[in-house]
All heavy atoms as atom14 arrays in JSON, in Angstrom:
{
  "sequence": "MVGSLRGIAPTGRQYTIPAVQIFRLTNGKLVEMWGFRDTGSM",
  "atom14_mask": [
    [1, 1, 1, 1, 1, 1, 1, 1, 0, 0, 0, 0, 0, 0],
    [1, 1, 1, 1, 1, 1, 1, 0, 0, 0, 0, 0, 0, 0],
    [1, 1, 1, 1, 0, 0, 0, 0, 0, 0, 0, 0, 0, 0],
    [1, 1, 1, 1, 1, 1, 0, 0, 0, 0, 0, 0, 0, 0],
    [1, 1, 1, 1, 1, 1, 1, 1, 0, 0, 0, 0, 0, 0],
    [1, 1, 1, 1, 1, 1, 1, 1, 1, 1, 1, 0, 0, 0],
    [1, 1, 1, 1, 0, 0, 0, 0, 0, 0, 0, 0, 0, 0],
    [1, 1, 1, 1, 1, 1, 1, 1, 0, 0, 0, 0, 0, 0],
    [1, 1, 1, 1, 1, 0, 0, 0, 0, 0, 0, 0, 0, 0],
    [1, 1, 1, 1, 1, 1, 1, 0, 0, 0, 0, 0, 0, 0],
    [1, 1, 1, 1, 1, 1, 1, 0, 0, 0, 0, 0, 0, 0],
    [1, 1, 1, 1, 0, 0, 0, 0, 0, 0, 0, 0, 0, 0],
    [1, 1, 1, 1, 1, 1, 1, 1, 1, 1, 1, 0, 0, 0],
    [1, 1, 1, 1, 1, 1, 1, 1, 1, 0, 0, 0, 0, 0],
    [1, 1, 1, 1, 1, 1, 1, 1, 1, 1, 1, 1, 0, 0],
    [1, 1, 1, 1, 1, 1, 1, 0, 0, 0, 0, 0, 0, 0],
    [1, 1, 1, 1, 1, 1, 1, 1, 0, 0, 0, 0, 0, 0],
    [1, 1, 1, 1, 1, 1, 1, 0, 0, 0, 0, 0, 0, 0],
    [1, 1, 1, 1, 1, 0, 0, 0, 0, 0, 0, 0, 0, 0],
    [1, 1, 1, 1, 1, 1, 1, 0, 0, 0, 0, 0, 0, 0],
    [1, 1, 1, 1, 1, 1, 1, 1, 1, 0, 0, 0, 0, 0],
    [1, 1, 1, 1, 1, 1, 1, 1, 0, 0, 0, 0, 0, 0],
    [1, 1, 1, 1, 1, 1, 1, 1, 1, 1, 1, 0, 0, 0],
    [1, 1, 1, 1, 1, 1, 1, 1, 1, 1, 1, 0, 0, 0],
    [1, 1, 1, 1, 1, 1, 1, 1, 0, 0, 0, 0, 0, 0],
    [1, 1, 1, 1, 1, 1, 1, 0, 0, 0, 0, 0, 0, 0],
    [1, 1, 1, 1, 1, 1, 1, 1, 0, 0, 0, 0, 0, 0],
    [1, 1, 1, 1, 0, 0, 0, 0, 0, 0, 0, 0, 0, 0],
    [1, 1, 1, 1, 1, 1, 1, 1, 1, 0, 0, 0, 0, 0],
    [1, 1, 1, 1, 1, 1, 1, 1, 0, 0, 0, 0, 0, 0],
    [1, 1, 1, 1, 1, 1, 1, 0, 0, 0, 0, 0, 0, 0],
    [1, 1, 1, 1, 1, 1, 1, 1, 1, 0, 0, 0, 0, 0],
    [1, 1, 1, 1, 1, 1, 1, 1, 0, 0, 0, 0, 0, 0],
    [1, 1, 1, 1, 1, 1, 1, 1, 1, 1, 1, 1, 1, 1],
    [1, 1, 1, 1, 0, 0, 0, 0, 0, 0, 0, 0, 0, 0],
    [1, 1, 1, 1, 1, 1, 1, 1, 1, 1, 1, 0, 0, 0],
    [1, 1, 1, 1, 1, 1, 1, 1, 1, 1, 1, 0, 0, 0],
    [1, 1, 1, 1, 1, 1, 1, 1, 0, 0, 0, 0, 0, 0],
    [1, 1, 1, 1, 1, 1, 1, 0, 0, 0, 0, 0, 0, 0],
    [1, 1, 1, 1, 0, 0, 0, 0, 0, 0, 0, 0, 0, 0],
    [1, 1, 1, 1, 1, 1, 0, 0, 0, 0, 0, 0, 0, 0],
    [1, 1, 1, 1, 1, 1, 1, 1, 0, 0, 0, 0, 0, 0]
  ],
  "atom14_positions": [
    [[1.73, -8.72, -12.25], [2.58, -7.51, -12.06], [2.46, -6.68, -13.33], [3.1, -6.88, -14.3], [3.92, -7.96, -11.81], [4.88, -6.71, -11.42], [6.53, -7.29, -11.11], [7.29, -5.68, -10.64], [0.0, 0.0, 0.0], [0.0, 0.0, 0.0], [0.0, 0.0, 0.0], [0.0, 0.0, 0.0], [0.0, 0.0, 0.0], [0.0, 0.0, 0.0]],
    [[1.62, -5.66, -13.25], [1.39, -4.73, -14.33], [1.98, -3.38, -14.08], [1.98, -2.5, -14.97], [-0.14, -4.62, -14.73], [-0.63, -5.98, -15.31], [-0.9, -4.08, -13.59], [0.0, 0.0, 0.0], [0.0, 0.0, 0.0], [0.0, 0.0, 0.0], [0.0, 0.0, 0.0], [0.0, 0.0, 0.0], [0.0, 0.0, 0.0], [0.0, 0.0, 0.0]],
    [[2.43, -3.12, -12.89], [3.05, -1.85, -12.52], [4.34, -2.05, -11.85], [4.71, -3.2, -11.54], [0.0, 0.0, 0.0], [0.0, 0.0, 0.0], [0.0, 0.0, 0.0], [0.0, 0.0, 0.0], [0.0, 0.0, 0.0], [0.0, 0.0, 0.0], [0.0, 0.0, 0.0], [0.0, 0.0, 0.0], [0.0, 0.0, 0.0], [0.0, 0.0, 0.0]],
    [[5.13, -1.0, -11.64], [6.41, -1.14, -11.06], [6.2, -1.47, -9.52], [5.24, -1.14, -8.87], [7.23, 0.14, -11.13], [6.62, 1.13, -10.5], [0.0, 0.0, 0.0], [0.0, 0.0, 0.0], [0.0, 0.0, 0.0], [0.0, 0.0, 0.0], [0.0, 0.0, 0.0], [0.0, 0.0, 0.0], [0.0, 0.0, 0.0], [0.0, 0.0, 0.0]],
    [[7.23, -2.17, -8.97], [7.23, -2.55, -7.6], [8.48, -2.14, -7.0], [9.62, -2.69, -7.29], [7.02, -4.1, -7.48], [7.18, -4.72, -6.03], [6.07, -4.19, -5.14], [7.1, -6.2, -6.1], [0.0, 0.0, 0.0], [0.0, 0.0, 0.0], [0.0, 0.0, 0.0], [0.0, 0.0, 0.0], [0.0, 0.0, 0.0], [0.0, 0.0, 0.0]],
    [[8.53, -1.06, -6.18], [9.73, -0.51, -5.58], [10.85, -0.28, -6.55], [11.99, -0.72, -6.39], [10.16, -1.5, -4.39], [9.18, -1.6, -3.37], [9.71, -2.44, -2.19], [8.68, -2.46, -1.15], [8.8, -3.07, -0.01], [9.99, -3.58, 0.3], [7.86, -3.15, 0.83], [0.0, 0.0, 0.0], [0.0, 0.0, 0.0], [0.0, 0.0, 0.0]],
    [[10.51, 0.3, -7.7], [11.49, 0.62, -8.69], [11.78, -0.5, -9.7], [12.62, -0.3, -10.65], [0.0, 0.0, 0.0], [0.0, 0.0, 0.0], [0.0, 0.0, 0.0], [0.0, 0.0, 0.0], [0.0, 0.0, 0.0], [0.0, 0.0, 0.0], [0.0, 0.0, 0.0], [0.0, 0.0, 0.0], [0.0, 0.0, 0.0], [0.0, 0.0, 0.0]],
    [[11.17, -1.67, -9.52], [11.4, -2.78, -10.5], [10.29, -2.69, -11.52], [9.1, -2.57, -11.19], [11.39, -4.1, -9.7], [12.37, -4.14, -8.62], [11.48, -5.29, -10.65], [12.25, -5.27, -7.67], [0.0, 0.0, 0.0], [0.0, 0.0, 0.0], [0.0, 0.0, 0.0], [0.0, 0.0, 0.0], [0.0, 0.0, 0.0], [0.0, 0.0, 0.0]],
    [[10.71, -2.77, -12.78], [9.8, -2.69, -13.91], [8.85, -3.89, -13.9], [9.13, -4.97, -13.51], [10.57, -2.69, -15.22], [0.0, 0.0, 0.0], [0.0, 0.0, 0.0], [0.0, 0.0, 0.0], [0.0, 0.0, 0.0], [0.0, 0.0, 0.0], [0.0, 0.0, 0.0], [0.0, 0.0, 0.0], [0.0, 0.0, 0.0], [0.0, 0.0, 0.0]],
    [[7.58, -3.63, -14.39], [6.59, -4.73, -14.44], [7.04, -5.94, -15.32], [7.69, -5.66, -16.29], [5.39, -4.07, -15.07], [5.65, -2.68, -15.39], [7.12, -2.36, -14.95], [0.0, 0.0, 0.0], [0.0, 0.0, 0.0], [0.0, 0.0, 0.0], [0.0, 0.0, 0.0], [0.0, 0.0, 0.0], [0.0, 0.0, 0.0], [0.0, 0.0, 0.0]],
    [[6.77, -7.07, -14.85], [7.12, -8.29, -15.64], [6.0, -8.86, -16.42], [6.16, -9.68, -17.34], [7.64, -9.45, -14.64], [6.6, -9.75, -13.79], [8.85, -8.94, -13.87], [0.0, 0.0, 0.0], [0.0, 0.0, 0.0], [0.0, 0.0, 0.0], [0.0, 0.0, 0.0], [0.0, 0.0, 0.0], [0.0, 0.0, 0.0], [0.0, 0.0, 0.0]],
    [[4.71, -8.49, -16.0], [3.53, -9.09, -16.73], [3.26, -10.48, -16.28], [2.32, -11.12, -16.77], [0.0, 0.0, 0.0], [0.0, 0.0, 0.0], [0.0, 0.0, 0.0], [0.0, 0.0, 0.0], [0.0, 0.0, 0.0], [0.0, 0.0, 0.0], [0.0, 0.0, 0.0], [0.0, 0.0, 0.0], [0.0, 0.0, 0.0], [0.0, 0.0, 0.0]],
    [[4.08, -11.05, -15.39], [3.87, -12.39, -14.89], [2.89, -12.51, -13.75], [2.62, -11.47, -13.07], [5.22, -12.96, -14.42], [6.22, -13.17, -15.62], [7.49, -13.62, -15.2], [7.54, -14.98, -14.83], [8.62, -15.68, -14.52], [9.77, -15.12, -14.49], [8.46, -16.94, -14.13], [0.0, 0.0, 0.0], [0.0, 0.0, 0.0], [0.0, 0.0, 0.0]],
    [[2.28, -13.64, -13.59], [1.24, -13.89, -12.55], [1.85, -14.52, -11.33], [2.91, -15.18, -11.43], [0.13, -14.7, -13.04], [-0.7, -14.12, -14.16], [-1.85, -14.95, -14.69], [-1.82, -16.16, -14.51], [-2.8, -14.29, -15.27], [0.0, 0.0, 0.0], [0.0, 0.0, 0.0], [0.0, 0.0, 0.0], [0.0, 0.0, 0.0], [0.0, 0.0, 0.0]],
    [[1.23, -14.36, -10.15], [1.73, -15.0, -8.95], [0.45, -15.43, -8.08], [-0.6, -14.85, -8.19], [2.61, -14.1, -8.07], [1.9, -12.89, -7.5], [1.3, -12.97, -6.25], [1.69, -11.73, -8.28], [0.71, -11.85, -5.65], [0.99, -10.62, -7.69], [0.46, -10.77, -6.46], [-0.15, -9.64, -5.94], [0.0, 0.0, 0.0], [0.0, 0.0, 0.0]],
    [[0.68, -16.41, -7.26], [-0.31, -16.9, -6.33], [0.5, -17.22, -5.04], [1.4, -18.11, -5.08], [-1.06, -18.13, -6.79], [-1.75, -17.71, -8.01], [-2.11, -18.59, -5.77], [0.0, 0.0, 0.0], [0.0, 0.0, 0.0], [0.0, 0.0, 0.0], [0.0, 0.0, 0.0], [0.0, 0.0, 0.0], [0.0, 0.0, 0.0], [0.0, 0.0, 0.0]],
    [[0.18, -16.63, -3.94], [0.83, -16.79, -2.65], [-0.1, -16.92, -1.49], [-1.21, -16.42, -1.48], [1.89, -15.76, -2.39], [1.12, -14.33, -2.31], [2.98, -15.68, -3.39], [2.01, -13.26, -1.86], [0.0, 0.0, 0.0], [0.0, 0.0, 0.0], [0.0, 0.0, 0.0], [0.0, 0.0, 0.0], [0.0, 0.0, 0.0], [0.0, 0.0, 0.0]],
    [[0.36, -17.67, -0.41], [-0.4, -17.72, 0.85], [-0.23, -16.42, 1.63], [0.83, -15.79, 1.52], [0.11, -18.95, 1.53], [1.55, -19.07, 1.03], [1.49, -18.56, -0.34], [0.0, 0.0, 0.0], [0.0, 0.0, 0.0], [0.0, 0.0, 0.0], [0.0, 0.0, 0.0], [0.0, 0.0, 0.0], [0.0, 0.0, 0.0], [0.0, 0.0, 0.0]],
    [[-1.25, -16.1, 2.4], [-1.13, -14.88, 3.18], [-2.02, -15.13, 4.46], [-2.9, -16.0, 4.52], [-1.61, -13.66, 2.52], [0.0, 0.0, 0.0], [0.0, 0.0, 0.0], [0.0, 0.0, 0.0], [0.0, 0.0, 0.0], [0.0, 0.0, 0.0], [0.0, 0.0, 0.0], [0.0, 0.0, 0.0], [0.0, 0.0, 0.0], [0.0, 0.0, 0.0]],
    [[-1.72, -14.34, 5.51], [-2.43, -14.41, 6.73], [-2.77, -13.0, 7.19], [-1.89, -12.15, 7.19], [-1.65, -15.17, 7.81], [-2.35, -15.08, 9.15], [-1.4, -16.53, 7.47], [0.0, 0.0, 0.0], [0.0, 0.0, 0.0], [0.0, 0.0, 0.0], [0.0, 0.0, 0.0], [0.0, 0.0, 0.0], [0.0, 0.0, 0.0], [0.0, 0.0, 0.0]],
    [[-3.97, -12.76, 7.7], [-4.42, -11.48, 8.28], [-4.85, -11.78, 9.74], [-5.59, -12.71, 9.91], [-5.47, -10.8, 7.56], [-5.11, -10.27, 6.17], [-4.19, -9.09, 6.17], [-4.23, -8.31, 7.1], [-3.27, -9.01, 5.22], [0.0, 0.0, 0.0], [0.0, 0.0, 0.0], [0.0, 0.0, 0.0], [0.0, 0.0, 0.0], [0.0, 0.0, 0.0]],
    [[-4.36, -11.02, 10.66], [-4.74, -11.13, 12.09], [-5.35, -9.84, 12.53], [-4.85, -8.82, 12.31], [-3.49, -11.49, 12.97], [-2.8, -12.79, 12.46], [-3.87, -11.62, 14.42], [-1.54, -13.13, 13.16], [0.0, 0.0, 0.0], [0.0, 0.0, 0.0], [0.0, 0.0, 0.0], [0.0, 0.0, 0.0], [0.0, 0.0, 0.0], [0.0, 0.0, 0.0]],
    [[-6.57, -10.02, 13.09], [-7.33, -8.84, 13.6], [-7.47, -8.84, 15.11], [-7.71, -9.92, 15.62], [-8.7, -8.83, 12.88], [-8.72, -8.91, 11.43], [-8.84, -10.07, 10.76], [-8.51, -7.72, 10.67], [-8.82, -10.2, 9.3], [-8.49, -7.85, 9.27], [-8.65, -9.06, 8.61], [0.0, 0.0, 0.0], [0.0, 0.0, 0.0], [0.0, 0.0, 0.0]],
    [[-7.47, -7.72, 15.71], [-7.73, -7.64, 17.09], [-8.91, -6.71, 17.31], [-8.92, -5.54, 16.79], [-6.57, -7.09, 17.97], [-6.84, -7.13, 19.42], [-5.61, -6.86, 20.26], [-5.19, -5.45, 20.27], [-5.77, -4.53, 21.06], [-6.62, -4.8, 21.95], [-5.34, -3.23, 20.98], [0.0, 0.0, 0.0], [0.0, 0.0, 0.0], [0.0, 0.0, 0.0]],
    [[-9.91, -7.21, 17.89], [-11.17, -6.45, 18.11], [-11.25, -6.11, 19.6], [-10.93, -6.94, 20.48], [-12.39, -7.3, 17.69], [-12.36, -7.83, 16.23], [-13.54, -8.74, 16.05], [-12.4, -6.66, 15.26], [0.0, 0.0, 0.0], [0.0, 0.0, 0.0], [0.0, 0.0, 0.0], [0.0, 0.0, 0.0], [0.0, 0.0, 0.0], [0.0, 0.0, 0.0]],
    [[-11.82, -4.94, 19.89], [-12.16, -4.48, 21.23], [-13.54, -3.96, 21.17], [-13.83, -3.01, 20.37], [-11.18, -3.46, 21.71], [-9.87, -4.02, 21.76], [-11.49, -2.98, 23.16], [0.0, 0.0, 0.0], [0.0, 0.0, 0.0], [0.0, 0.0, 0.0], [0.0, 0.0, 0.0], [0.0, 0.0, 0.0], [0.0, 0.0, 0.0], [0.0, 0.0, 0.0]],
    [[-14.4, -4.49, 22.02], [-15.79, -3.99, 22.03], [-16.46, -4.08, 20.66], [-17.15, -3.22, 20.24], [-16.0, -2.72, 22.65], [-15.5, -2.67, 24.1], [-15.75, -3.62, 24.84], [-14.89, -1.6, 24.47], [0.0, 0.0, 0.0], [0.0, 0.0, 0.0], [0.0, 0.0, 0.0], [0.0, 0.0, 0.0], [0.0, 0.0, 0.0], [0.0, 0.0, 0.0]],
    [[-16.19, -5.1, 19.91], [-16.73, -5.26, 18.61], [-16.16, -4.3, 17.52], [-16.65, -4.33, 16.4], [0.0, 0.0, 0.0], [0.0, 0.0, 0.0], [0.0, 0.0, 0.0], [0.0, 0.0, 0.0], [0.0, 0.0, 0.0], [0.0, 0.0, 0.0], [0.0, 0.0, 0.0], [0.0, 0.0, 0.0], [0.0, 0.0, 0.0], [0.0, 0.0, 0.0]],
    [[-15.02, -3.6, 17.84], [-14.37, -2.74, 16.83], [-12.96, -3.18, 16.48], [-12.29, -3.6, 17.39], [-14.4, -1.25, 17.34], [-15.8, -0.71, 17.54], [-15.65, 0.77, 17.95], [-17.08, 1.28, 18.07], [-17.09, 2.74, 18.44], [0.0, 0.0, 0.0], [0.0, 0.0, 0.0], [0.0, 0.0, 0.0], [0.0, 0.0, 0.0], [0.0, 0.0, 0.0]],
    [[-12.63, -3.02, 15.26], [-11.31, -3.37, 14.78], [-10.28, -2.37, 15.4], [-10.46, -1.13, 15.07], [-11.2, -3.43, 13.31], [-9.85, -3.69, 12.66], [-9.35, -5.05, 13.07], [-9.86, -3.51, 11.18], [0.0, 0.0, 0.0], [0.0, 0.0, 0.0], [0.0, 0.0, 0.0], [0.0, 0.0, 0.0], [0.0, 0.0, 0.0], [0.0, 0.0, 0.0]],
    [[-9.35, -2.76, 16.22], [-8.39, -1.78, 16.77], [-6.95, -1.99, 16.24], [-6.15, -1.09, 16.36], [-8.45, -1.83, 18.29], [-9.81, -1.27, 18.7], [-8.13, -3.17, 18.89], [0.0, 0.0, 0.0], [0.0, 0.0, 0.0], [0.0, 0.0, 0.0], [0.0, 0.0, 0.0], [0.0, 0.0, 0.0], [0.0, 0.0, 0.0], [0.0, 0.0, 0.0]],
    [[-6.67, -3.24, 15.8], [-5.36, -3.53, 15.27], [-5.41, -4.57, 14.12], [-6.41, -5.4, 14.19], [-4.41, -4.09, 16.29], [-3.94, -3.05, 17.34], [-2.92, -3.63, 18.23], [-1.76, -3.76, 17.84], [-3.23, -3.95, 19.38], [0.0, 0.0, 0.0], [0.0, 0.0, 0.0], [0.0, 0.0, 0.0], [0.0, 0.0, 0.0], [0.0, 0.0, 0.0]],
    [[-4.54, -4.53, 13.22], [-4.5, -5.55, 12.14], [-3.04, -5.77, 11.72], [-2.25, -4.85, 11.56], [-5.32, -5.02, 10.91], [-5.4, -6.06, 9.88], [-6.48, -5.47, 8.45], [-5.41, -4.28, 7.67], [0.0, 0.0, 0.0], [0.0, 0.0, 0.0], [0.0, 0.0, 0.0], [0.0, 0.0, 0.0], [0.0, 0.0, 0.0], [0.0, 0.0, 0.0]],
    [[-2.71, -7.07, 11.54], [-1.35, -7.39, 11.12], [-1.54, -8.33, 9.86], [-2.5, -9.06, 9.76], [-0.61, -8.22, 12.13], [-0.42, -7.54, 13.44], [0.57, -6.66, 13.82], [-1.24, -7.62, 14.6], [0.36, -6.3, 15.08], [-0.73, -6.86, 15.64], [-2.38, -8.4, 14.91], [-1.32, -6.8, 16.88], [-3.0, -8.32, 16.16], [-2.36, -7.49, 17.1]],
    [[-0.61, -8.22, 8.96], [-0.63, -9.08, 7.75], [0.72, -9.65, 7.43], [1.76, -9.03, 7.72], [0.0, 0.0, 0.0], [0.0, 0.0, 0.0], [0.0, 0.0, 0.0], [0.0, 0.0, 0.0], [0.0, 0.0, 0.0], [0.0, 0.0, 0.0], [0.0, 0.0, 0.0], [0.0, 0.0, 0.0], [0.0, 0.0, 0.0], [0.0, 0.0, 0.0]],
    [[0.68, -10.85, 6.94], [1.89, -11.55, 6.58], [1.6, -12.25, 5.24], [0.59, -12.82, 4.98], [2.23, -12.66, 7.58], [2.4, -12.14, 8.95], [1.27, -12.14, 9.78], [3.55, -11.64, 9.46], [1.33, -11.71, 11.12], [3.67, -11.12, 10.76], [2.56, -11.13, 11.56], [0.0, 0.0, 0.0], [0.0, 0.0, 0.0], [0.0, 0.0, 0.0]],
    [[2.58, -12.15, 4.26], [2.48, -12.85, 3.03], [3.87, -13.36, 2.64], [4.89, -12.92, 3.11], [1.94, -11.91, 1.94], [2.84, -10.76, 1.66], [2.38, -9.94, 0.45], [1.1, -9.46, 0.63], [0.66, -8.21, 0.81], [1.58, -7.28, 0.87], [-0.63, -7.91, 0.91], [0.0, 0.0, 0.0], [0.0, 0.0, 0.0], [0.0, 0.0, 0.0]],
    [[3.81, -14.43, 1.77], [5.08, -15.02, 1.3], [5.66, -14.28, 0.16], [5.58, -14.61, -1.01], [4.75, -16.46, 0.89], [6.04, -17.21, 0.61], [7.16, -16.64, 0.51], [5.93, -18.45, 0.34], [0.0, 0.0, 0.0], [0.0, 0.0, 0.0], [0.0, 0.0, 0.0], [0.0, 0.0, 0.0], [0.0, 0.0, 0.0], [0.0, 0.0, 0.0]],
    [[6.3, -13.12, 0.47], [6.85, -12.21, -0.49], [7.98, -12.81, -1.28], [8.14, -12.62, -2.47], [7.34, -10.9, 0.2], [6.25, -10.35, 0.96], [7.78, -9.83, -0.83], [0.0, 0.0, 0.0], [0.0, 0.0, 0.0], [0.0, 0.0, 0.0], [0.0, 0.0, 0.0], [0.0, 0.0, 0.0], [0.0, 0.0, 0.0], [0.0, 0.0, 0.0]],
    [[8.72, -13.65, -0.65], [9.87, -14.33, -1.42], [9.3, -15.24, -2.51], [9.85, -15.17, -3.66], [0.0, 0.0, 0.0], [0.0, 0.0, 0.0], [0.0, 0.0, 0.0], [0.0, 0.0, 0.0], [0.0, 0.0, 0.0], [0.0, 0.0, 0.0], [0.0, 0.0, 0.0], [0.0, 0.0, 0.0], [0.0, 0.0, 0.0], [0.0, 0.0, 0.0]],
    [[8.26, -15.91, -2.21], [7.66, -16.75, -3.26], [7.04, -15.9, -4.39], [7.14, -16.21, -5.5], [6.52, -17.64, -2.62], [5.93, -18.44, -3.65], [0.0, 0.0, 0.0], [0.0, 0.0, 0.0], [0.0, 0.0, 0.0], [0.0, 0.0, 0.0], [0.0, 0.0, 0.0], [0.0, 0.0, 0.0], [0.0, 0.0, 0.0], [0.0, 0.0, 0.0]],
    [[6.41, -14.75, -4.0], [5.9, -13.83, -4.95], [7.04, -13.36, -5.95], [6.91, -13.35, -7.16], [5.23, -12.71, -4.35], [4.61, -11.69, -5.39], [3.83, -10.27, -4.53], [5.26, -9.29, -4.09], [0.0, 0.0, 0.0], [0.0, 0.0, 0.0], [0.0, 0.0, 0.0], [0.0, 0.0, 0.0], [0.0, 0.0, 0.0], [0.0, 0.0, 0.0]]
  ]
}
């Protein structure tokens, strides 16, 4: 965290979190994408 996050000053601390990305393809093209991450742990 080297920049502000929603008005919270940078802490300089590191984080590692799990995340998931879900993609929906139609005719070989990306038409939708969803993402989830463990923001609480971060």
